[in-house]
Amino acid sequence: MKDPYEVIVSLLRTEKGSSLLLLNKYLFEVNRSVNKLQIKKAIEEIYKVKVKSVNVLMVRGKKRRLRYKTGKTPDWKKAVVTLKEGEKIEVT
């Protein structure tokens, strides 16, 4: 199994993520090669909480242009983690 800190890249602090906190859901950017079970184990090990469910989606990179060249930002994977009742991750 991978190291939990290699699985979870970062906790996403977005407007949508802030509204999901009321539903006990948290957004994470995760490594592209991991699956739901690895994400669940990593969150439980890092934050010492019980995970109810994990939803995963791939986010496509956006097209960008710099002067005369066109390019694309990298694709990345996002996980929406729902915690069990009474569990909480301290977001500072």
PDB file of N, CA and C in Angstrom:
ATOM      1  N   MET A   1       0.840  -1.191   0.000  1.00  0.00           N
ATOM      2  CA  MET A   1       0.000   0.000   0.000  1.00  0.00           C
ATOM      3  C   MET A   1       0.874   1.239   0.000  1.00  0.00           C
ATOM      4  N   LYS A   2       0.382   2.273  -0.620  1.00  0.00           N
ATOM      5  CA  LYS A   2       1.113   3.526  -0.674  1.00  0.00           C
ATOM      6  C   LYS A   2       1.062   4.244   0.670  1.00  0.00           C
ATOM      7  N   ASP A   3       2.027   5.106   0.865  1.00  0.00           N
ATOM      8  CA  ASP A   3       2.036   5.959   2.045  1.00  0.00           C
ATOM      9  C   ASP A   3       0.822   6.885   1.983  1.00  0.00           C
ATOM     10  N   PRO A   4       0.091   7.071   3.098  1.00  0.00           N
ATOM     11  CA  PRO A   4      -1.118   7.917   3.072  1.00  0.00           C
ATOM     12  C   PRO A   4      -0.839   9.341   2.592  1.00  0.00           C
ATOM     13  N   TYR A   5       0.355   9.831   2.837  1.00  0.00           N
ATOM     14  CA  TYR A   5       0.684  11.193   2.415  1.00  0.00           C
ATOM     15  C   TYR A   5       1.008  11.269   0.928  1.00  0.00           C
ATOM     16  N   GLU A   6       1.201  10.118   0.269  1.00  0.00           N
ATOM     17  CA  GLU A   6       1.335  10.092  -1.186  1.00  0.00           C
ATOM     18  C   GLU A   6      -0.033  10.000  -1.848  1.00  0.00           C
ATOM     19  N   VAL A   7      -1.003   9.427  -1.147  1.00  0.00           N
ATOM     20  CA  VAL A   7      -2.358   9.278  -1.683  1.00  0.00           C
ATOM     21  C   VAL A   7      -3.072  10.624  -1.687  1.00  0.00           C
ATOM     22  N   ILE A   8      -3.044  11.332  -0.556  1.00  0.00           N
ATOM     23  CA  ILE A   8      -3.730  12.611  -0.415  1.00  0.00           C
ATOM     24  C   ILE A   8      -2.753  13.732  -0.770  1.00  0.00           C
ATOM     25  N   VAL A   9      -3.085  14.511  -1.798  1.00  0.00           N
ATOM     26  CA  VAL A   9      -2.229  15.631  -2.192  1.00  0.00           C
ATOM     27  C   VAL A   9      -2.535  16.842  -1.330  1.00  0.00           C
ATOM     28  N   SER A  10      -3.818  17.207  -1.223  1.00  0.00           N
ATOM     29  CA  SER A  10      -4.172  18.370  -0.403  1.00  0.00           C
ATOM     30  C   SER A  10      -5.669  18.390  -0.119  1.00  0.00           C
ATOM     31  N   LEU A  11      -6.032  19.127   0.905  1.00  0.00           N
ATOM     32  CA  LEU A  11      -7.427  19.411   1.230  1.00  0.00           C
ATOM     33  C   LEU A  11      -7.818  20.645   0.431  1.00  0.00           C
ATOM     34  N   LEU A  12      -8.906  20.561  -0.329  1.00  0.00           N
ATOM     35  CA  LEU A  12      -9.304  21.672  -1.196  1.00  0.00           C
ATOM     36  C   LEU A  12     -10.151  22.670  -0.428  1.00  0.00           C
ATOM     37  N   ARG A  13      -9.761  23.909  -0.473  1.00  0.00           N
ATOM     38  CA  ARG A  13     -10.496  24.996   0.182  1.00  0.00           C
ATOM     39  C   ARG A  13     -11.152  25.832  -0.911  1.00  0.00           C
ATOM     40  N   THR A  14     -12.344  25.433  -1.326  1.00  0.00           N
ATOM     41  CA  THR A  14     -13.067  26.138  -2.374  1.00  0.00           C
ATOM     42  C   THR A  14     -14.432  26.550  -1.847  1.00  0.00           C
ATOM     43  N   GLU A  15     -15.123  27.347  -2.638  1.00  0.00           N
ATOM     44  CA  GLU A  15     -16.461  27.787  -2.245  1.00  0.00           C
ATOM     45  C   GLU A  15     -17.423  26.601  -2.168  1.00  0.00           C
ATOM     46  N   LYS A  16     -17.326  25.699  -3.137  1.00  0.00           N
ATOM     47  CA  LYS A  16     -18.170  24.513  -3.115  1.00  0.00           C
ATOM     48  C   LYS A  16     -17.806  23.626  -1.921  1.00  0.00           C
ATOM     49  N   GLY A  17     -16.519  23.497  -1.640  1.00  0.00           N
ATOM     50  CA  GLY A  17     -16.085  22.699  -0.503  1.00  0.00           C
ATOM     51  C   GLY A  17     -16.572  23.256   0.815  1.00  0.00           C
ATOM     52  N   SER A  18     -16.630  24.573   0.923  1.00  0.00           N
ATOM     53  CA  SER A  18     -17.124  25.196   2.150  1.00  0.00           C
ATOM     54  C   SER A  18     -18.612  24.925   2.351  1.00  0.00           C
ATOM     55  N   SER A  19     -19.372  24.889   1.262  1.00  0.00           N
ATOM     56  CA  SER A  19     -20.798  24.607   1.398  1.00  0.00           C
ATOM     57  C   SER A  19     -21.039  23.126   1.722  1.00  0.00           C
ATOM     58  N   LEU A  20     -20.132  22.255   1.306  1.00  0.00           N
ATOM     59  CA  LEU A  20     -20.276  20.829   1.602  1.00  0.00           C
ATOM     60  C   LEU A  20     -19.925  20.496   3.048  1.00  0.00           C
ATOM     61  N   LEU A  21     -19.205  21.380   3.739  1.00  0.00           N
ATOM     62  CA  LEU A  21     -18.854  21.131   5.135  1.00  0.00           C
ATOM     63  C   LEU A  21     -20.100  20.985   6.010  1.00  0.00           C
ATOM     64  N   LEU A  22     -21.176  21.670   5.638  1.00  0.00           N
ATOM     65  CA  LEU A  22     -22.420  21.560   6.394  1.00  0.00           C
ATOM     66  C   LEU A  22     -23.029  20.165   6.296  1.00  0.00           C
ATOM     67  N   LEU A  23     -22.720  19.460   5.201  1.00  0.00           N
ATOM     68  CA  LEU A  23     -23.224  18.100   4.995  1.00  0.00           C
ATOM     69  C   LEU A  23     -22.227  17.044   5.465  1.00  0.00           C
ATOM     70  N   ASN A  24     -21.168  17.481   6.167  1.00  0.00           N
ATOM     71  CA  ASN A  24     -20.117  16.593   6.677  1.00  0.00           C
ATOM     72  C   ASN A  24     -19.341  15.937   5.532  1.00  0.00           C
ATOM     73  N   LYS A  25     -19.110  16.710   4.439  1.00  0.00           N
ATOM     74  CA  LYS A  25     -18.346  16.239   3.289  1.00  0.00           C
ATOM     75  C   LYS A  25     -17.131  17.135   3.107  1.00  0.00           C
ATOM     76  N   TYR A  26     -16.023  16.528   2.698  1.00  0.00           N
ATOM     77  CA  TYR A  26     -14.770  17.249   2.525  1.00  0.00           C
ATOM     78  C   TYR A  26     -14.196  16.936   1.150  1.00  0.00           C
ATOM     79  N   LEU A  27     -13.580  17.936   0.522  1.00  0.00           N
ATOM     80  CA  LEU A  27     -12.973  17.776  -0.799  1.00  0.00           C
ATOM     81  C   LEU A  27     -11.464  17.617  -0.652  1.00  0.00           C
ATOM     82  N   PHE A  28     -10.910  16.656  -1.381  1.00  0.00           N
ATOM     83  CA  PHE A  28      -9.477  16.417  -1.384  1.00  0.00           C
ATOM     84  C   PHE A  28      -8.987  16.265  -2.804  1.00  0.00           C
ATOM     85  N   GLU A  29      -7.777  16.765  -3.058  1.00  0.00           N
ATOM     86  CA  GLU A  29      -7.087  16.441  -4.297  1.00  0.00           C
ATOM     87  C   GLU A  29      -6.256  15.213  -4.002  1.00  0.00           C
ATOM     88  N   VAL A  30      -6.395  14.179  -4.836  1.00  0.00           N
ATOM     89  CA  VAL A  30      -5.703  12.917  -4.584  1.00  0.00           C
ATOM     90  C   VAL A  30      -4.838  12.546  -5.783  1.00  0.00           C
ATOM     91  N   ASN A  31      -3.957  11.597  -5.552  1.00  0.00           N
ATOM     92  CA  ASN A  31      -3.090  11.079  -6.597  1.00  0.00           C
ATOM     93  C   ASN A  31      -3.950  10.424  -7.677  1.00  0.00           C
ATOM     94  N   ARG A  32      -3.569  10.576  -8.930  1.00  0.00           N
ATOM     95  CA  ARG A  32      -4.393  10.077 -10.038  1.00  0.00           C
ATOM     96  C   ARG A  32      -4.473   8.559 -10.093  1.00  0.00           C
ATOM     97  N   SER A  33      -3.529   7.849  -9.492  1.00  0.00           N
ATOM     98  CA  SER A  33      -3.475   6.396  -9.641  1.00  0.00           C
ATOM     99  C   SER A  33      -4.133   5.625  -8.494  1.00  0.00           C
ATOM    100  N   VAL A  34      -4.780   6.302  -7.558  1.00  0.00           N
ATOM    101  CA  VAL A  34      -5.346   5.600  -6.403  1.00  0.00           C
ATOM    102  C   VAL A  34      -6.836   5.345  -6.589  1.00  0.00           C
ATOM    103  N   ASN A  35      -7.362   4.387  -5.806  1.00  0.00           N
ATOM    104  CA  ASN A  35      -8.784   4.065  -5.879  1.00  0.00           C
ATOM    105  C   ASN A  35      -9.482   4.475  -4.588  1.00  0.00           C
ATOM    106  N   LYS A  36     -10.786   4.202  -4.511  1.00  0.00           N
ATOM    107  CA  LYS A  36     -11.593   4.649  -3.376  1.00  0.00           C
ATOM    108  C   LYS A  36     -11.147   4.015  -2.060  1.00  0.00           C
ATOM    109  N   LEU A  37     -10.793   2.751  -2.084  1.00  0.00           N
ATOM    110  CA  LEU A  37     -10.377   2.078  -0.854  1.00  0.00           C
ATOM    111  C   LEU A  37      -9.086   2.676  -0.300  1.00  0.00           C
ATOM    112  N   GLN A  38      -8.141   2.978  -1.185  1.00  0.00           N
ATOM    113  CA  GLN A  38      -6.887   3.590  -0.740  1.00  0.00           C
ATOM    114  C   GLN A  38      -7.131   4.982  -0.172  1.00  0.00           C
ATOM    115  N   ILE A  39      -8.041   5.733  -0.777  1.00  0.00           N
ATOM    116  CA  ILE A  39      -8.371   7.069  -0.280  1.00  0.00           C
ATOM    117  C   ILE A  39      -9.015   6.967   1.099  1.00  0.00           C
ATOM    118  N   LYS A  40      -9.934   6.031   1.259  1.00  0.00           N
ATOM    119  CA  LYS A  40     -10.615   5.852   2.541  1.00  0.00           C
ATOM    120  C   LYS A  40      -9.617   5.511   3.644  1.00  0.00           C
ATOM    121  N   LYS A  41      -8.721   4.573   3.402  1.00  0.00           N
ATOM    122  CA  LYS A  41      -7.727   4.174   4.403  1.00  0.00           C
ATOM    123  C   LYS A  41      -6.787   5.319   4.738  1.00  0.00           C
ATOM    124  N   ALA A  42      -6.391   6.094   3.723  1.00  0.00           N
ATOM    125  CA  ALA A  42      -5.478   7.215   3.946  1.00  0.00           C
ATOM    126  C   ALA A  42      -6.128   8.294   4.802  1.00  0.00           C
ATOM    127  N   ILE A  43      -7.391   8.640   4.527  1.00  0.00           N
ATOM    128  CA  ILE A  43      -8.095   9.664   5.304  1.00  0.00           C
ATOM    129  C   ILE A  43      -8.256   9.198   6.741  1.00  0.00           C
ATOM    130  N   GLU A  44      -8.640   7.940   6.931  1.00  0.00           N
ATOM    131  CA  GLU A  44      -8.826   7.421   8.289  1.00  0.00           C
ATOM    132  C   GLU A  44      -7.514   7.410   9.067  1.00  0.00           C
ATOM    133  N   GLU A  45      -6.408   7.113   8.384  1.00  0.00           N
ATOM    134  CA  GLU A  45      -5.116   7.063   9.062  1.00  0.00           C
ATOM    135  C   GLU A  45      -4.571   8.455   9.372  1.00  0.00           C
ATOM    136  N   ILE A  46      -4.702   9.386   8.448  1.00  0.00           N
ATOM    137  CA  ILE A  46      -4.148  10.735   8.643  1.00  0.00           C
ATOM    138  C   ILE A  46      -4.963  11.528   9.655  1.00  0.00           C
ATOM    139  N   TYR A  47      -6.288  11.552   9.493  1.00  0.00           N
ATOM    140  CA  TYR A  47      -7.139  12.423  10.300  1.00  0.00           C
ATOM    141  C   TYR A  47      -7.808  11.710  11.488  1.00  0.00           C
ATOM    142  N   LYS A  48      -7.633  10.392  11.615  1.00  0.00           N
ATOM    143  CA  LYS A  48      -8.200   9.614  12.736  1.00  0.00           C
ATOM    144  C   LYS A  48      -9.714   9.782  12.829  1.00  0.00           C
ATOM    145  N   VAL A  49     -10.412   9.618  11.695  1.00  0.00           N
ATOM    146  CA  VAL A  49     -11.869   9.711  11.624  1.00  0.00           C
ATOM    147  C   VAL A  49     -12.407   8.469  10.921  1.00  0.00           C
ATOM    148  N   LYS A  50     -13.720   8.264  10.977  1.00  0.00           N
ATOM    149  CA  LYS A  50     -14.377   7.157  10.282  1.00  0.00           C
ATOM    150  C   LYS A  50     -15.047   7.694   9.021  1.00  0.00           C
ATOM    151  N   VAL A  51     -14.742   7.078   7.883  1.00  0.00           N
ATOM    152  CA  VAL A  51     -15.265   7.519   6.594  1.00  0.00           C
ATOM    153  C   VAL A  51     -16.495   6.692   6.238  1.00  0.00           C
ATOM    154  N   LYS A  52     -17.558   7.383   5.846  1.00  0.00           N
ATOM    155  CA  LYS A  52     -18.798   6.720   5.439  1.00  0.00           C
ATOM    156  C   LYS A  52     -18.735   6.331   3.962  1.00  0.00           C
ATOM    157  N   SER A  53     -18.347   7.288   3.100  1.00  0.00           N
ATOM    158  CA  SER A  53     -18.273   6.996   1.670  1.00  0.00           C
ATOM    159  C   SER A  53     -17.267   7.913   0.990  1.00  0.00           C
ATOM    160  N   VAL A  54     -16.831   7.482  -0.190  1.00  0.00           N
ATOM    161  CA  VAL A  54     -15.885   8.250  -1.001  1.00  0.00           C
ATOM    162  C   VAL A  54     -16.406   8.287  -2.432  1.00  0.00           C
ATOM    163  N   ASN A  55     -16.523   9.480  -2.987  1.00  0.00           N
ATOM    164  CA  ASN A  55     -16.866   9.661  -4.397  1.00  0.00           C
ATOM    165  C   ASN A  55     -15.667  10.293  -5.085  1.00  0.00           C
ATOM    166  N   VAL A  56     -15.337   9.781  -6.272  1.00  0.00           N
ATOM    167  CA  VAL A  56     -14.128  10.218  -6.976  1.00  0.00           C
ATOM    168  C   VAL A  56     -14.506  10.719  -8.357  1.00  0.00           C
ATOM    169  N   LEU A  57     -13.863  11.811  -8.790  1.00  0.00           N
ATOM    170  CA  LEU A  57     -14.070  12.290 -10.145  1.00  0.00           C
ATOM    171  C   LEU A  57     -12.773  12.844 -10.714  1.00  0.00           C
ATOM    172  N   MET A  58     -12.609  12.671 -12.017  1.00  0.00           N
ATOM    173  CA  MET A  58     -11.449  13.203 -12.716  1.00  0.00           C
ATOM    174  C   MET A  58     -11.791  14.603 -13.218  1.00  0.00           C
ATOM    175  N   VAL A  59     -10.908  15.539 -12.979  1.00  0.00           N
ATOM    176  CA  VAL A  59     -11.098  16.911 -13.429  1.00  0.00           C
ATOM    177  C   VAL A  59     -10.160  17.137 -14.608  1.00  0.00           C
ATOM    178  N   ARG A  60     -10.718  17.511 -15.733  1.00  0.00           N
ATOM    179  CA  ARG A  60      -9.904  17.750 -16.920  1.00  0.00           C
ATOM    180  C   ARG A  60      -9.181  19.081 -16.793  1.00  0.00           C
ATOM    181  N   GLY A  61      -7.968  19.130 -17.322  1.00  0.00           N
ATOM    182  CA  GLY A  61      -7.211  20.364 -17.335  1.00  0.00           C
ATOM    183  C   GLY A  61      -7.800  21.353 -18.318  1.00  0.00           C
ATOM    184  N   LYS A  62      -7.586  22.630 -18.040  1.00  0.00           N
ATOM    185  CA  LYS A  62      -8.131  23.678 -18.895  1.00  0.00           C
ATOM    186  C   LYS A  62      -7.113  24.062 -19.966  1.00  0.00           C
ATOM    187  N   LYS A  63      -7.625  24.513 -21.090  1.00  0.00           N
ATOM    188  CA  LYS A  63      -6.744  24.994 -22.146  1.00  0.00           C
ATOM    189  C   LYS A  63      -6.274  26.391 -21.786  1.00  0.00           C
ATOM    190  N   ARG A  64      -4.994  26.631 -21.921  1.00  0.00           N
ATOM    191  CA  ARG A  64      -4.400  27.924 -21.618  1.00  0.00           C
ATOM    192  C   ARG A  64      -3.536  28.366 -22.795  1.00  0.00           C
ATOM    193  N   ARG A  65      -3.350  29.672 -22.895  1.00  0.00           N
ATOM    194  CA  ARG A  65      -2.529  30.207 -23.963  1.00  0.00           C
ATOM    195  C   ARG A  65      -1.539  31.194 -23.387  1.00  0.00           C
ATOM    196  N   LEU A  66      -0.291  31.091 -23.812  1.00  0.00           N
ATOM    197  CA  LEU A  66       0.753  32.013 -23.403  1.00  0.00           C
ATOM    198  C   LEU A  66       1.394  32.552 -24.674  1.00  0.00           C
ATOM    199  N   ARG A  67       1.144  33.799 -24.951  1.00  0.00           N
ATOM    200  CA  ARG A  67       1.569  34.446 -26.197  1.00  0.00           C
ATOM    201  C   ARG A  67       1.030  33.682 -27.392  1.00  0.00           C
ATOM    202  N   TYR A  68       1.921  33.030 -28.154  1.00  0.00           N
ATOM    203  CA  TYR A  68       1.485  32.369 -29.383  1.00  0.00           C
ATOM    204  C   TYR A  68       1.355  30.862 -29.227  1.00  0.00           C
ATOM    205  N   LYS A  69       1.674  30.368 -28.069  1.00  0.00           N
ATOM    206  CA  LYS A  69       1.618  28.923 -27.851  1.00  0.00           C
ATOM    207  C   LYS A  69       0.374  28.563 -27.053  1.00  0.00           C
ATOM    208  N   THR A  70      -0.233  27.436 -27.399  1.00  0.00           N
ATOM    209  CA  THR A  70      -1.359  26.942 -26.629  1.00  0.00           C
ATOM    210  C   THR A  70      -0.903  25.726 -25.830  1.00  0.00           C
ATOM    211  N   GLY A  71      -1.519  25.545 -24.689  1.00  0.00           N
ATOM    212  CA  GLY A  71      -1.171  24.420 -23.837  1.00  0.00           C
ATOM    213  C   GLY A  71      -2.372  23.995 -23.019  1.00  0.00           C
ATOM    214  N   LYS A  72      -2.116  23.163 -22.016  1.00  0.00           N
ATOM    215  CA  LYS A  72      -3.191  22.639 -21.200  1.00  0.00           C
ATOM    216  C   LYS A  72      -2.643  22.398 -19.800  1.00  0.00           C
ATOM    217  N   THR A  73      -3.454  22.757 -18.798  1.00  0.00           N
ATOM    218  CA  THR A  73      -3.066  22.440 -17.429  1.00  0.00           C
ATOM    219  C   THR A  73      -3.286  20.947 -17.213  1.00  0.00           C
ATOM    220  N   PRO A  74      -2.590  20.341 -16.277  1.00  0.00           N
ATOM    221  CA  PRO A  74      -2.711  18.894 -16.112  1.00  0.00           C
ATOM    222  C   PRO A  74      -4.078  18.460 -15.578  1.00  0.00           C
ATOM    223  N   ASP A  75      -4.476  17.236 -15.952  1.00  0.00           N
ATOM    224  CA  ASP A  75      -5.678  16.626 -15.383  1.00  0.00           C
ATOM    225  C   ASP A  75      -5.364  16.232 -13.945  1.00  0.00           C
ATOM    226  N   TRP A  76      -6.411  16.199 -13.090  1.00  0.00           N
ATOM    227  CA  TRP A  76      -6.201  15.794 -11.706  1.00  0.00           C
ATOM    228  C   TRP A  76      -7.437  15.105 -11.179  1.00  0.00           C
ATOM    229  N   LYS A  77      -7.299  14.454 -10.040  1.00  0.00           N
ATOM    230  CA  LYS A  77      -8.390  13.666  -9.466  1.00  0.00           C
ATOM    231  C   LYS A  77      -8.854  14.304  -8.172  1.00  0.00           C
ATOM    232  N   LYS A  78     -10.187  14.377  -8.008  1.00  0.00           N
ATOM    233  CA  LYS A  78     -10.797  14.981  -6.827  1.00  0.00           C
ATOM    234  C   LYS A  78     -11.628  13.926  -6.117  1.00  0.00           C
ATOM    235  N   ALA A  79     -11.589  13.941  -4.780  1.00  0.00           N
ATOM    236  CA  ALA A  79     -12.369  13.001  -3.986  1.00  0.00           C
ATOM    237  C   ALA A  79     -13.281  13.780  -3.041  1.00  0.00           C
ATOM    238  N   VAL A  80     -14.552  13.378  -2.984  1.00  0.00           N
ATOM    239  CA  VAL A  80     -15.502  13.931  -2.032  1.00  0.00           C
ATOM    240  C   VAL A  80     -15.702  12.866  -0.958  1.00  0.00           C
ATOM    241  N   VAL A  81     -15.237  13.152   0.255  1.00  0.00           N
ATOM    242  CA  VAL A  81     -15.257  12.189   1.349  1.00  0.00           C
ATOM    243  C   VAL A  81     -16.363  12.566   2.331  1.00  0.00           C
ATOM    244  N   THR A  82     -17.282  11.634   2.573  1.00  0.00           N
ATOM    245  CA  THR A  82     -18.349  11.829   3.543  1.00  0.00           C
ATOM    246  C   THR A  82     -17.966  11.101   4.822  1.00  0.00           C
ATOM    247  N   LEU A  83     -18.007  11.818   5.941  1.00  0.00           N
ATOM    248  CA  LEU A  83     -17.669  11.220   7.227  1.00  0.00           C
ATOM    249  C   LEU A  83     -18.923  10.739   7.934  1.00  0.00           C
ATOM    250  N   LYS A  84     -18.748   9.789   8.862  1.00  0.00           N
ATOM    251  CA  LYS A  84     -19.872   9.287   9.648  1.00  0.00           C
ATOM    252  C   LYS A  84     -20.335  10.356  10.617  1.00  0.00           C
ATOM    253  N   GLU A  85     -21.554  10.195  11.137  1.00  0.00           N
ATOM    254  CA  GLU A  85     -22.134  11.162  12.073  1.00  0.00           C
ATOM    255  C   GLU A  85     -21.243  11.353  13.282  1.00  0.00           C
ATOM    256  N   GLY A  86     -21.055  12.591  13.676  1.00  0.00           N
ATOM    257  CA  GLY A  86     -20.250  12.908  14.846  1.00  0.00           C
ATOM    258  C   GLY A  86     -18.770  13.066  14.558  1.00  0.00           C
ATOM    259  N   GLU A  87     -18.300  12.692  13.369  1.00  0.00           N
ATOM    260  CA  GLU A  87     -16.902  12.832  13.000  1.00  0.00           C
ATOM    261  C   GLU A  87     -16.679  14.208  12.388  1.00  0.00           C
ATOM    262  N   LYS A  88     -15.457  14.720  12.525  1.00  0.00           N
ATOM    263  CA  LYS A  88     -15.160  16.051  12.025  1.00  0.00           C
ATOM    264  C   LYS A  88     -13.663  16.187  11.787  1.00  0.00           C
ATOM    265  N   ILE A  89     -13.303  16.888  10.722  1.00  0.00           N
ATOM    266  CA  ILE A  89     -11.908  17.226  10.439  1.00  0.00           C
ATOM    267  C   ILE A  89     -11.745  18.700  10.730  1.00  0.00           C
ATOM    268  N   GLU A  90     -10.761  19.040  11.525  1.00  0.00           N
ATOM    269  CA  GLU A  90     -10.516  20.445  11.858  1.00  0.00           C
ATOM    270  C   GLU A  90      -9.895  21.143  10.650  1.00  0.00           C
ATOM    271  N   VAL A  91     -10.624  22.076  10.067  1.00  0.00           N
ATOM    272  CA  VAL A  91     -10.147  22.853   8.932  1.00  0.00           C
ATOM    273  C   VAL A  91      -9.773  24.235   9.444  1.00  0.00           C
ATOM    274  N   THR A  92      -8.500  24.567   9.331  1.00  0.00           N
ATOM    275  CA  THR A  92      -8.047  25.872   9.838  1.00  0.00           C
ATOM    276  C   THR A  92      -7.915  26.871   8.725  1.00  0.00           C
TER     277      THR A  92
END
